[in-house]
Amino acid sequence: MSVFCCHVPYLPPRARRQQLVVSVDSLALALRESAQRRAEQLALIAGESRLSYAELAALVERVAAGLGQVGVQPGDRVALILPNCPQFVISYLATLWLGATAVPLNPLLTPDEAGYIVQDAEARAVVALEQTAPLAAAARAASVEHLIVSGEQLPEGAVDFSALAAAEPEGLPEPGGGDDDPAALMYTSGTTGRPKGAQLSHCNLISNALAAVEAVQMTEDDVFLTVLPLFHSFGATVCMVVPLLTGATSVLLPRFEALSVLEAIEREGATIYPGVPSMFAVLAGLKTERSFDLSSLRLCISGGAPLPDPVLRAFEDRYGATLLEGYGPTEASPVVSVNRSRERRKVGSVGPPLPGVEVEIQDDKGRALPTGEIGEVCVRGRNVMSAYWRDADQTAEALRGGWLLTGDLGRVDEEGHLYIVDRKKDMIIVGGLNVYPREVEDVVHGLPEIRDCAVVGVRSPLHGERVKVFVELHEGETGSAERVIEHCTPHLAHYKVPRAVEFIEELPRSATGKVLKRQLRTANSS
């Protein structure tokens, strides 16, 4: 049995000083341990629903017993087509209890998209809410034997989730899985093609969560505002696994709505709010006459996409809470690095690597590059996936010499702080010269009327490619292409200055707020 120790050298004054020692190699066992240690502590808050750790553990055991009774066995895959709700957490942990693997899906996928993942994963069962049951039914593949639905109106042939939750756990085996056994099959967002299933083990998730706890000093007294989708690795690790291991509380919101977020922070006394840059941009520019008491909020963590400096400054100035940027791909469970505190952060960087995680900048031949040079960000550690699900070719491309090749371009400074320059596939080549879209985007963000922007390369008969920027304005603001170009000209070399500007009502985004540049390029070339 593996033992993960996380030493927290400093805690904020309001938090209880403690040393967190997790002596389990299974997330289901971690739930049992937290339930024994923190039985009456609230584990989940979702609207009027409140579950203590003892209640959560009891429900997980019953649902695990129910899943076992309908035929789910160790090694099976169980697809979860659920928003942020108690049923997600319960089903996820019950699946792991049986030694099976959870396969979370975005409830906003089309039937074709969801069907591809369910079929690729060869899921044996699918769990859904009444609202997502039509998608689940449409996405059923040949491997699916049971559609399990929580709600009052069940599709024909569906198993009632409440019946599983009422199952007697007598005879339920001890929690299965552990260490290097698969816990979750997390499908990538598919921004560059068909989604791939990253196999993340119990070891991957536990070690990554504990390293994150140590890095930014999270404790059992924290209350997490969970609006990041739990079907995504960022939300799952930081907002579900971290609270589970520490015995903290998670407040579940099914979707991002600015006023609902502020109300929940005030009402529940949330202390940590992980989000993506677009969420913080909306909150920073929110026009409302209402005032909120957000004094409980001590830490916000941004990831999933680059955080523009103007957004960081505007959010902190308005709300007072510290906003720290981090980084990590799904394949790394996902957190690779994060800034540690407002005093020690370097704005523009995504911080130093987590404890136990190594980062190396490599060239195309796998050679380490010197400090400060730009190359591919490569990651090594216990957080790195074992493989892509049943895809040896893609696995061989992603894992080279013990390193995960992230596909991101970056550099590391002399103090070990990582800077993400851009996606390798997003780099623009103008007349043989490299243009990194993020560099242009950072300049465009300097205009106060701009809420967000995305830079892509478009074909040019003279230069091969030229720079184009898509701009999303704050509500009620106006802009012009001339103003954007004039603003960029003194700050960028001439070949980096956008030659085309298009104003767009809303940039296309993934479920976690990442701009889908492939869609912008495709639409532009049609």
Protein backbone atom coordinates (compact mmCIF):
# COMPACT_ATOMS: atom_id res chain seq x y z
CA MET A 1 0.00 0.00 0.00
CA SER A 2 1.36 3.41 -1.00
CA VAL A 3 1.62 6.20 1.56
CA PHE A 4 1.40 9.79 0.39
CA CYS A 5 2.49 12.44 2.88
CA CYS A 6 1.76 16.09 2.35
CA HIS A 7 3.43 18.54 4.76
CA VAL A 8 1.82 21.97 4.99
CA PRO A 9 4.49 24.33 6.38
CA TYR A 10 2.25 27.38 6.62
CA LEU A 11 -1.49 27.90 6.96
CA PRO A 12 -3.48 31.13 6.98
CA PRO A 13 -4.41 32.33 10.49
CA ARG A 14 -8.08 31.32 10.16
CA ALA A 15 -7.25 27.71 9.36
CA ARG A 16 -6.39 24.98 11.82
CA ARG A 17 -2.75 23.95 11.67
CA GLN A 18 -2.43 20.33 10.70
CA GLN A 19 -0.30 17.78 8.93
CA LEU A 20 -2.27 15.96 6.28
CA VAL A 21 -1.27 12.31 5.96
CA VAL A 22 -3.26 10.17 3.55
CA SER A 23 -2.35 6.51 3.98
CA VAL A 24 -4.60 5.10 1.26
CA ASP A 25 -4.04 4.14 -2.34
CA SER A 26 -7.71 4.24 -3.35
CA LEU A 27 -10.13 7.15 -3.59
CA ALA A 28 -12.93 5.00 -2.18
CA LEU A 29 -10.76 4.25 0.86
CA ALA A 30 -10.04 7.98 1.11
CA LEU A 31 -13.78 8.60 1.41
CA ARG A 32 -14.04 6.02 4.19
CA GLU A 33 -11.11 7.63 6.03
CA SER A 34 -12.58 11.14 5.75
CA ALA A 35 -15.97 9.83 6.89
CA GLN A 36 -14.39 8.30 9.98
CA ARG A 37 -12.35 11.41 10.75
CA ARG A 38 -14.90 14.08 9.74
CA ALA A 39 -18.24 12.27 10.04
CA GLU A 40 -20.40 15.34 10.76
CA GLN A 41 -18.50 17.73 8.51
CA LEU A 42 -20.43 18.82 5.42
CA ALA A 43 -18.98 17.16 2.34
CA LEU A 44 -21.36 18.45 -0.34
CA ILE A 45 -23.71 21.41 -0.58
CA ALA A 46 -26.00 21.66 -3.60
CA GLY A 47 -28.82 24.15 -3.18
CA GLU A 48 -30.93 22.93 -0.28
CA SER A 49 -29.21 19.53 -0.28
CA ARG A 50 -26.51 19.02 2.33
CA LEU A 51 -24.58 15.81 2.85
CA SER A 52 -22.14 15.15 5.66
CA TYR A 53 -19.17 12.86 5.08
CA ALA A 54 -20.94 10.09 6.99
CA GLU A 55 -24.05 10.49 4.81
CA LEU A 56 -22.00 10.66 1.61
CA ALA A 57 -20.08 7.50 2.50
CA ALA A 58 -23.32 5.64 3.29
CA LEU A 59 -24.85 6.65 -0.03
CA VAL A 60 -21.72 5.68 -1.94
CA GLU A 61 -21.76 2.24 -0.34
CA ARG A 62 -25.43 1.73 -1.21
CA VAL A 63 -25.03 2.87 -4.82
CA ALA A 64 -21.93 0.71 -5.16
CA ALA A 65 -23.97 -2.25 -3.95
CA GLY A 66 -26.74 -1.35 -6.40
CA LEU A 67 -24.31 -1.05 -9.32
CA GLY A 68 -22.87 -4.42 -8.39
CA GLN A 69 -26.35 -5.94 -8.35
CA VAL A 70 -27.05 -4.77 -11.91
CA GLY A 71 -23.80 -6.32 -13.08
CA VAL A 72 -21.03 -3.70 -12.88
CA GLN A 73 -17.76 -5.51 -12.19
CA PRO A 74 -14.12 -4.60 -11.54
CA GLY A 75 -12.53 -3.32 -14.73
CA ASP A 76 -15.82 -2.13 -16.28
CA ARG A 77 -16.38 1.46 -17.39
CA VAL A 78 -19.34 3.51 -16.13
CA ALA A 79 -20.21 6.67 -18.09
CA LEU A 80 -21.49 9.66 -16.12
CA ILE A 81 -23.57 12.16 -18.10
CA LEU A 82 -24.23 14.48 -15.20
CA PRO A 83 -23.81 18.17 -14.30
CA ASN A 84 -22.33 19.24 -10.98
CA CYS A 85 -24.68 17.53 -8.53
CA PRO A 86 -24.46 15.06 -5.62
CA GLN A 87 -25.32 12.18 -7.99
CA PHE A 88 -22.09 12.84 -9.90
CA VAL A 89 -19.88 12.53 -6.83
CA ILE A 90 -21.82 9.55 -5.48
CA SER A 91 -21.76 7.67 -8.81
CA TYR A 92 -18.09 8.45 -9.40
CA LEU A 93 -17.00 7.13 -6.02
CA ALA A 94 -19.39 4.16 -6.12
CA THR A 95 -17.91 3.16 -9.47
CA LEU A 96 -14.42 3.30 -8.00
CA TRP A 97 -15.56 1.33 -4.95
CA LEU A 98 -16.32 -1.60 -7.27
CA GLY A 99 -12.89 -1.38 -8.92
CA ALA A 100 -14.51 -0.03 -12.10
CA THR A 101 -13.53 3.11 -14.00
CA ALA A 102 -15.54 6.34 -14.16
CA VAL A 103 -15.97 7.97 -17.58
CA PRO A 104 -17.32 11.52 -17.10
CA LEU A 105 -18.99 13.20 -20.10
CA ASN A 106 -20.05 16.75 -20.79
CA PRO A 107 -23.88 16.87 -20.65
CA LEU A 108 -23.82 19.53 -23.40
CA LEU A 109 -22.34 17.20 -26.00
CA THR A 110 -24.37 16.24 -29.04
CA PRO A 111 -25.61 12.63 -29.26
CA ASP A 112 -22.94 11.91 -31.87
CA GLU A 113 -20.18 13.31 -29.65
CA ALA A 114 -21.38 11.54 -26.52
CA GLY A 115 -22.02 8.36 -28.47
CA TYR A 116 -18.45 8.33 -29.73
CA ILE A 117 -17.06 8.46 -26.18
CA VAL A 118 -19.50 5.89 -24.77
CA GLN A 119 -18.68 3.54 -27.63
CA ASP A 120 -14.94 4.17 -27.49
CA ALA A 121 -14.87 3.53 -23.73
CA GLU A 122 -17.10 0.47 -24.11
CA ALA A 123 -19.09 1.65 -21.11
CA ARG A 124 -21.20 -1.03 -19.43
CA ALA A 125 -23.55 1.41 -17.72
CA VAL A 126 -24.53 5.06 -18.12
CA VAL A 127 -25.72 7.27 -15.24
CA ALA A 128 -27.78 10.39 -15.99
CA LEU A 129 -30.26 12.85 -14.53
CA GLU A 130 -33.77 13.09 -15.88
CA GLN A 131 -32.66 16.18 -17.84
CA THR A 132 -29.71 14.41 -19.45
CA ALA A 133 -31.45 11.06 -19.95
CA PRO A 134 -32.41 11.81 -23.59
CA LEU A 135 -28.75 12.41 -24.42
CA ALA A 136 -27.73 9.29 -22.51
CA ALA A 137 -30.35 7.22 -24.32
CA ALA A 138 -29.31 8.59 -27.71
CA ALA A 139 -25.66 7.91 -26.95
CA ARG A 140 -26.13 4.28 -25.86
CA ALA A 141 -23.67 1.97 -27.54
CA ALA A 142 -23.81 -1.80 -27.92
CA SER A 143 -21.73 -2.27 -24.78
CA VAL A 144 -24.22 -0.43 -22.54
CA GLU A 145 -26.39 -2.82 -20.56
CA HIS A 146 -27.97 -0.39 -18.12
CA LEU A 147 -29.18 3.21 -18.30
CA ILE A 148 -29.46 4.53 -14.74
CA VAL A 149 -31.46 7.73 -14.30
CA SER A 150 -32.10 9.99 -11.31
CA GLY A 151 -35.47 11.71 -11.55
CA GLU A 152 -39.23 11.26 -11.57
CA GLN A 153 -39.79 10.57 -15.28
CA LEU A 154 -37.64 7.62 -16.32
CA PRO A 155 -37.14 6.44 -19.91
CA GLU A 156 -38.49 3.00 -20.68
CA GLY A 157 -36.14 0.31 -19.43
CA ALA A 158 -34.09 2.68 -17.26
CA VAL A 159 -32.96 1.75 -13.76
CA ASP A 160 -34.06 4.16 -11.03
CA PHE A 161 -31.05 5.75 -9.33
CA SER A 162 -33.00 6.03 -6.09
CA ALA A 163 -33.43 2.26 -6.12
CA LEU A 164 -29.64 1.88 -6.24
CA ALA A 165 -29.33 4.37 -3.40
CA ALA A 166 -31.70 2.19 -1.34
CA ALA A 167 -29.74 -1.03 -1.93
CA GLU A 168 -28.53 -2.84 1.16
CA PRO A 169 -24.72 -2.81 1.25
CA GLU A 170 -24.56 -6.16 3.03
CA GLY A 171 -22.06 -8.33 1.23
CA LEU A 172 -20.50 -5.34 -0.51
CA PRO A 173 -16.81 -6.10 -1.00
CA GLU A 174 -14.09 -3.86 0.38
CA PRO A 175 -13.28 -0.86 -1.81
CA GLY A 176 -11.56 -1.99 -4.99
CA GLY A 177 -8.97 -0.35 -7.17
CA GLY A 178 -5.91 1.42 -5.97
CA ASP A 179 -2.46 2.71 -6.77
CA ASP A 180 -1.87 2.09 -10.48
CA ASP A 181 -5.38 0.79 -11.22
CA PRO A 182 -7.43 3.09 -13.47
CA ALA A 183 -9.82 5.40 -11.65
CA ALA A 184 -11.03 7.67 -14.43
CA LEU A 185 -11.02 7.78 -18.18
CA MET A 186 -10.93 11.52 -18.86
CA TYR A 187 -11.52 12.42 -22.48
CA THR A 188 -9.62 15.41 -23.80
CA SER A 189 -11.59 18.38 -25.06
CA GLY A 190 -10.91 17.49 -28.66
CA THR A 191 -9.75 21.00 -29.62
CA THR A 192 -7.40 19.49 -32.21
CA GLY A 193 -9.38 16.42 -33.28
CA ARG A 194 -11.30 13.44 -31.88
CA PRO A 195 -11.27 13.26 -28.06
CA LYS A 196 -8.79 10.78 -26.57
CA GLY A 197 -9.32 8.98 -23.27
CA ALA A 198 -6.51 9.67 -20.79
CA GLN A 199 -6.25 6.79 -18.30
CA LEU A 200 -5.75 8.30 -14.85
CA SER A 201 -5.02 5.97 -11.96
CA HIS A 202 -5.79 6.33 -8.26
CA CYS A 203 -2.09 7.10 -7.77
CA ASN A 204 -2.18 9.82 -10.44
CA LEU A 205 -5.16 11.57 -8.86
CA ILE A 206 -4.21 11.20 -5.21
CA SER A 207 -0.60 12.28 -5.66
CA ASN A 208 -1.63 15.26 -7.81
CA ALA A 209 -4.30 16.41 -5.37
CA LEU A 210 -1.97 16.16 -2.37
CA ALA A 211 0.76 18.06 -4.20
CA ALA A 212 -1.77 20.81 -4.97
CA VAL A 213 -2.79 20.88 -1.29
CA GLU A 214 0.83 21.42 -0.29
CA ALA A 215 1.52 24.01 -2.98
CA VAL A 216 -1.27 26.46 -2.08
CA GLN A 217 -1.93 25.32 1.48
CA MET A 218 -5.49 24.05 1.34
CA THR A 219 -6.98 22.63 4.53
CA GLU A 220 -9.94 20.74 5.96
CA ASP A 221 -11.49 24.07 6.93
CA ASP A 222 -11.76 25.25 3.33
CA VAL A 223 -15.03 25.54 1.45
CA PHE A 224 -14.64 25.10 -2.32
CA LEU A 225 -16.95 26.91 -4.71
CA THR A 226 -17.36 24.26 -7.42
CA VAL A 227 -18.65 25.74 -10.65
CA LEU A 228 -15.92 24.16 -12.76
CA PRO A 229 -17.49 21.07 -14.35
CA LEU A 230 -16.62 17.89 -12.50
CA PHE A 231 -16.51 15.99 -15.78
CA HIS A 232 -13.30 17.92 -16.54
CA SER A 233 -9.99 17.02 -14.90
CA PHE A 234 -9.43 20.51 -13.40
CA GLY A 235 -12.76 20.49 -11.61
CA ALA A 236 -12.54 16.81 -10.67
CA THR A 237 -9.11 17.03 -9.04
CA VAL A 238 -9.26 20.44 -7.37
CA CYS A 239 -12.96 20.56 -6.45
CA MET A 240 -13.71 16.89 -5.73
CA VAL A 241 -10.55 14.90 -4.98
CA VAL A 242 -8.83 17.63 -2.92
CA PRO A 243 -11.85 18.17 -0.63
CA LEU A 244 -12.31 14.40 -0.36
CA LEU A 245 -8.73 13.89 0.83
CA THR A 246 -8.68 16.84 3.22
CA GLY A 247 -12.22 16.46 4.55
CA ALA A 248 -13.21 19.90 3.27
CA THR A 249 -16.57 21.06 1.86
CA SER A 250 -17.54 21.44 -1.79
CA VAL A 251 -20.40 23.74 -2.85
CA LEU A 252 -21.76 22.49 -6.18
CA LEU A 253 -23.16 24.85 -8.80
CA PRO A 254 -24.47 23.31 -12.03
CA ARG A 255 -23.36 26.19 -14.27
CA PHE A 256 -21.55 29.51 -14.23
CA GLU A 257 -23.78 32.51 -13.67
CA ALA A 258 -22.00 35.53 -12.23
CA LEU A 259 -24.60 36.55 -9.66
CA SER A 260 -25.17 32.94 -8.58
CA VAL A 261 -21.42 32.55 -7.98
CA LEU A 262 -21.26 35.69 -5.82
CA GLU A 263 -24.40 34.71 -3.92
CA ALA A 264 -23.01 31.22 -3.22
CA ILE A 265 -19.68 32.56 -1.98
CA GLU A 266 -21.48 34.91 0.40
CA ARG A 267 -24.13 32.39 1.53
CA GLU A 268 -21.83 29.42 2.13
CA GLY A 269 -18.69 31.26 3.21
CA ALA A 270 -16.62 29.84 0.35
CA THR A 271 -12.88 30.24 0.83
CA ILE A 272 -11.49 28.86 -2.46
CA TYR A 273 -12.83 29.46 -5.95
CA PRO A 274 -11.12 27.64 -8.83
CA GLY A 275 -12.15 28.86 -12.27
CA VAL A 276 -11.10 29.67 -15.81
CA PRO A 277 -10.05 33.11 -17.09
CA SER A 278 -13.37 33.83 -18.81
CA MET A 279 -15.19 33.42 -15.48
CA PHE A 280 -12.91 35.91 -13.74
CA ALA A 281 -13.20 38.32 -16.69
CA VAL A 282 -17.00 38.27 -16.47
CA LEU A 283 -16.93 38.81 -12.70
CA ALA A 284 -14.39 41.62 -13.03
CA GLY A 285 -16.60 43.47 -15.53
CA LEU A 286 -19.95 42.64 -13.93
CA LYS A 287 -22.36 45.55 -13.83
CA THR A 288 -24.58 45.29 -10.77
CA GLU A 289 -25.72 47.58 -7.99
CA ARG A 290 -25.85 44.69 -5.52
CA SER A 291 -23.09 44.36 -2.96
CA PHE A 292 -21.80 41.06 -1.63
CA ASP A 293 -19.85 40.08 1.46
CA LEU A 294 -16.98 38.04 0.03
CA SER A 295 -14.69 38.38 3.05
CA SER A 296 -14.50 34.59 3.38
CA LEU A 297 -12.89 34.21 -0.06
CA ARG A 298 -9.14 34.00 0.36
CA LEU A 299 -7.95 32.27 -2.79
CA CYS A 300 -8.96 31.94 -6.44
CA ILE A 301 -7.12 29.67 -8.84
CA SER A 302 -7.18 30.15 -12.60
CA GLY A 303 -6.37 27.46 -15.12
CA GLY A 304 -7.51 25.90 -18.38
CA ALA A 305 -6.42 28.85 -20.53
CA PRO A 306 -4.01 31.83 -20.33
CA LEU A 307 -4.97 34.43 -17.73
CA PRO A 308 -4.53 37.97 -19.13
CA ASP A 309 -2.82 40.34 -16.72
CA PRO A 310 -5.59 43.00 -17.05
CA VAL A 311 -8.16 40.41 -15.97
CA LEU A 312 -6.09 39.40 -12.94
CA ARG A 313 -5.61 43.01 -11.85
CA ALA A 314 -9.24 44.00 -12.40
CA PHE A 315 -10.55 40.97 -10.50
CA GLU A 316 -8.24 41.44 -7.49
CA ASP A 317 -8.91 45.19 -7.37
CA ARG A 318 -12.65 44.63 -7.31
CA TYR A 319 -12.97 41.60 -5.01
CA GLY A 320 -9.82 41.62 -2.89
CA ALA A 321 -9.16 37.87 -3.09
CA THR A 322 -5.83 36.59 -4.38
CA LEU A 323 -5.98 35.13 -7.89
CA LEU A 324 -3.21 32.66 -8.75
CA GLU A 325 -2.60 31.17 -12.18
CA GLY A 326 -1.73 27.51 -12.68
CA TYR A 327 -1.30 25.12 -15.57
CA GLY A 328 -1.81 21.52 -16.53
CA PRO A 329 -3.23 19.25 -19.23
CA THR A 330 -5.73 16.45 -18.63
CA GLU A 331 -2.97 13.89 -19.16
CA ALA A 332 -1.19 15.20 -16.03
CA SER A 333 -4.21 14.74 -13.71
CA PRO A 334 -4.07 17.78 -14.48
CA VAL A 335 -2.08 20.20 -12.28
CA VAL A 336 1.56 20.67 -13.29
CA SER A 337 2.39 24.06 -11.78
CA VAL A 338 0.84 26.94 -9.88
CA ASN A 339 1.93 30.24 -8.38
CA ARG A 340 2.17 29.87 -4.62
CA SER A 341 1.01 33.22 -3.24
CA ARG A 342 0.44 36.84 -4.16
CA GLU A 343 3.80 37.74 -2.63
CA ARG A 344 5.80 35.08 -4.49
CA ARG A 345 3.97 34.91 -7.80
CA LYS A 346 5.32 36.12 -11.12
CA VAL A 347 2.50 37.58 -13.17
CA GLY A 348 2.52 36.02 -16.62
CA SER A 349 3.97 32.76 -15.35
CA VAL A 350 2.02 29.70 -14.26
CA GLY A 351 4.34 29.21 -11.30
CA PRO A 352 6.88 26.54 -10.41
CA PRO A 353 6.03 22.84 -10.72
CA LEU A 354 4.14 21.10 -7.93
CA PRO A 355 6.14 19.03 -5.43
CA GLY A 356 7.10 15.76 -7.08
CA VAL A 357 6.46 17.05 -10.61
CA GLU A 358 9.30 17.74 -13.07
CA VAL A 359 9.13 20.10 -16.03
CA GLU A 360 11.65 20.19 -18.85
CA ILE A 361 11.66 22.30 -22.00
CA GLN A 362 12.68 20.15 -24.97
CA ASP A 363 13.31 20.64 -28.66
CA ASP A 364 11.71 18.50 -31.37
CA LYS A 365 14.36 15.82 -30.90
CA GLY A 366 13.80 15.46 -27.16
CA ARG A 367 16.87 17.42 -26.08
CA ALA A 368 16.64 19.65 -23.03
CA LEU A 369 16.87 23.35 -23.85
CA PRO A 370 18.72 25.95 -21.75
CA THR A 371 16.96 28.25 -19.30
CA GLY A 372 14.90 30.89 -21.06
CA GLU A 373 14.67 29.17 -24.45
CA ILE A 374 11.26 28.32 -25.90
CA GLY A 375 10.41 24.70 -26.62
CA GLU A 376 7.83 22.05 -25.85
CA VAL A 377 6.75 21.73 -22.21
CA CYS A 378 7.43 18.16 -21.07
CA VAL A 379 6.26 16.76 -17.74
CA ARG A 380 7.31 13.81 -15.60
CA GLY A 381 5.89 12.59 -12.29
CA ARG A 382 3.38 10.33 -10.56
CA ASN A 383 0.61 12.53 -11.93
CA VAL A 384 1.23 11.57 -15.57
CA MET A 385 -1.27 9.21 -17.22
CA SER A 386 -0.29 5.66 -18.11
CA ALA A 387 -1.65 5.79 -21.67
CA TYR A 388 -4.45 6.88 -23.94
CA TRP A 389 -7.27 4.34 -23.88
CA ARG A 390 -6.60 1.68 -26.52
CA ASP A 391 -4.55 4.04 -28.69
CA ALA A 392 -0.96 2.88 -28.87
CA ASP A 393 0.00 5.30 -31.64
CA GLN A 394 -1.23 8.42 -29.83
CA THR A 395 0.31 7.14 -26.59
CA ALA A 396 3.70 6.72 -28.26
CA GLU A 397 3.47 10.28 -29.60
CA ALA A 398 2.55 11.72 -26.20
CA LEU A 399 4.94 9.73 -23.97
CA ARG A 400 8.61 9.86 -24.97
CA GLY A 401 11.49 8.73 -22.81
CA GLY A 402 9.42 8.89 -19.64
CA TRP A 403 8.16 12.40 -20.40
CA LEU A 404 4.67 13.60 -21.29
CA LEU A 405 4.82 15.87 -24.32
CA THR A 406 2.10 18.42 -23.63
CA GLY A 407 1.98 20.07 -27.06
CA ASP A 408 2.42 23.44 -25.32
CA LEU A 409 5.30 25.78 -26.00
CA GLY A 410 6.92 27.41 -23.00
CA ARG A 411 10.06 28.46 -21.20
CA VAL A 412 11.42 28.24 -17.67
CA ASP A 413 13.23 31.10 -15.95
CA GLU A 414 16.24 30.93 -13.67
CA GLU A 415 14.02 30.44 -10.60
CA GLY A 416 12.09 27.56 -12.11
CA HIS A 417 8.90 29.42 -12.96
CA LEU A 418 7.14 28.14 -16.05
CA TYR A 419 5.80 30.45 -18.75
CA ILE A 420 3.36 29.07 -21.33
CA VAL A 421 3.88 30.75 -24.68
CA ASP A 422 1.22 28.98 -26.71
CA ARG A 423 -0.06 25.73 -28.13
CA LYS A 424 2.49 24.24 -30.50
CA LYS A 425 -0.19 23.79 -33.17
CA ASP A 426 -1.42 27.38 -32.75
CA MET A 427 1.90 29.01 -33.65
CA ILE A 428 1.64 31.28 -36.70
CA ILE A 429 4.45 31.55 -39.26
CA VAL A 430 4.51 34.89 -41.10
CA GLY A 431 7.13 35.05 -43.84
CA GLY A 432 9.20 32.41 -42.04
CA LEU A 433 9.01 34.22 -38.67
CA ASN A 434 7.28 32.71 -35.62
CA VAL A 435 4.34 34.53 -34.06
CA TYR A 436 2.97 33.24 -30.76
CA PRO A 437 -0.74 34.12 -30.52
CA ARG A 438 -0.64 34.66 -26.77
CA GLU A 439 1.90 37.47 -27.17
CA VAL A 440 -0.51 39.31 -29.49
CA GLU A 441 -3.52 38.51 -27.30
CA ASP A 442 -1.79 39.97 -24.24
CA VAL A 443 -1.35 43.27 -26.09
CA VAL A 444 -4.92 43.36 -27.40
CA HIS A 445 -6.20 42.75 -23.86
CA GLY A 446 -4.74 46.13 -22.96
CA LEU A 447 -7.78 47.81 -24.50
CA PRO A 448 -10.36 48.29 -21.73
CA GLU A 449 -13.39 47.65 -23.94
CA ILE A 450 -12.22 44.13 -24.79
CA ARG A 451 -13.45 41.24 -22.67
CA ASP A 452 -11.60 38.50 -24.54
CA CYS A 453 -9.85 37.82 -27.82
CA ALA A 454 -8.32 35.02 -29.83
CA VAL A 455 -5.53 35.23 -32.38
CA VAL A 456 -5.21 32.74 -35.23
CA GLY A 457 -3.24 32.44 -38.45
CA VAL A 458 -5.06 32.73 -41.76
CA ARG A 459 -3.70 31.98 -45.22
CA SER A 460 -1.79 34.70 -47.05
CA PRO A 461 -0.56 34.27 -50.64
CA LEU A 462 2.35 36.62 -49.97
CA HIS A 463 3.51 35.66 -46.47
CA GLY A 464 2.11 32.13 -46.02
CA GLU A 465 0.05 33.25 -43.02
CA ARG A 466 -1.09 36.51 -41.53
CA VAL A 467 -2.34 37.39 -38.06
CA LYS A 468 -6.06 37.75 -37.42
CA VAL A 469 -7.71 38.57 -34.11
CA PHE A 470 -11.27 37.76 -33.10
CA VAL A 471 -12.55 40.19 -30.46
CA GLU A 472 -15.29 39.83 -27.86
CA LEU A 473 -16.35 43.14 -26.28
CA HIS A 474 -17.67 43.92 -22.84
CA GLU A 475 -21.44 44.45 -22.77
CA GLY A 476 -22.40 47.88 -24.05
CA GLU A 477 -18.95 48.64 -25.47
CA THR A 478 -18.05 49.45 -29.07
CA GLY A 479 -14.79 48.95 -30.91
CA SER A 480 -13.13 49.30 -34.28
CA ALA A 481 -10.51 47.38 -36.22
CA GLU A 482 -8.49 50.55 -36.66
CA ARG A 483 -8.27 51.10 -32.89
CA VAL A 484 -7.09 47.53 -32.30
CA ILE A 485 -4.40 47.74 -34.99
CA GLU A 486 -3.24 51.18 -33.86
CA HIS A 487 -3.00 49.93 -30.27
CA CYS A 488 -0.88 46.93 -31.30
CA THR A 489 1.50 48.75 -33.66
CA PRO A 490 3.85 50.35 -31.08
CA HIS A 491 3.95 47.20 -28.93
CA LEU A 492 4.60 44.48 -31.52
CA ALA A 493 7.00 43.88 -34.39
CA HIS A 494 5.32 44.73 -37.70
CA TYR A 495 4.87 41.08 -38.74
CA LYS A 496 3.05 40.32 -35.45
CA VAL A 497 0.50 43.12 -35.77
CA PRO A 498 -2.97 41.82 -36.72
CA ARG A 499 -3.85 42.47 -40.34
CA ALA A 500 -7.48 41.55 -39.81
CA VAL A 501 -9.85 42.15 -36.89
CA GLU A 502 -13.28 40.56 -36.54
CA PHE A 503 -15.70 41.41 -33.76
CA ILE A 504 -17.65 38.43 -32.55
CA GLU A 505 -20.52 38.29 -30.07
CA GLU A 506 -19.14 35.23 -28.30
CA LEU A 507 -15.96 33.25 -28.89
CA PRO A 508 -16.51 29.49 -29.29
CA ARG A 509 -15.44 27.71 -26.13
CA SER A 510 -15.06 24.27 -24.66
CA ALA A 511 -16.98 23.30 -21.53
CA THR A 512 -14.17 24.71 -19.38
CA GLY A 513 -13.99 28.05 -21.17
CA LYS A 514 -11.04 27.31 -23.44
CA VAL A 515 -11.37 29.12 -26.77
CA LEU A 516 -11.74 26.65 -29.65
CA LYS A 517 -9.34 28.18 -32.14
CA ARG A 518 -9.77 25.29 -34.54
CA GLN A 519 -13.37 26.38 -35.06
CA LEU A 520 -12.26 29.95 -35.74
CA ARG A 521 -9.69 28.80 -38.28
CA THR A 522 -12.17 26.44 -39.95
CA ALA A 523 -14.89 29.09 -40.20
CA ASN A 524 -12.39 31.57 -41.58
CA SER A 525 -11.18 29.22 -44.31
CA SER A 526 -14.66 28.24 -45.50
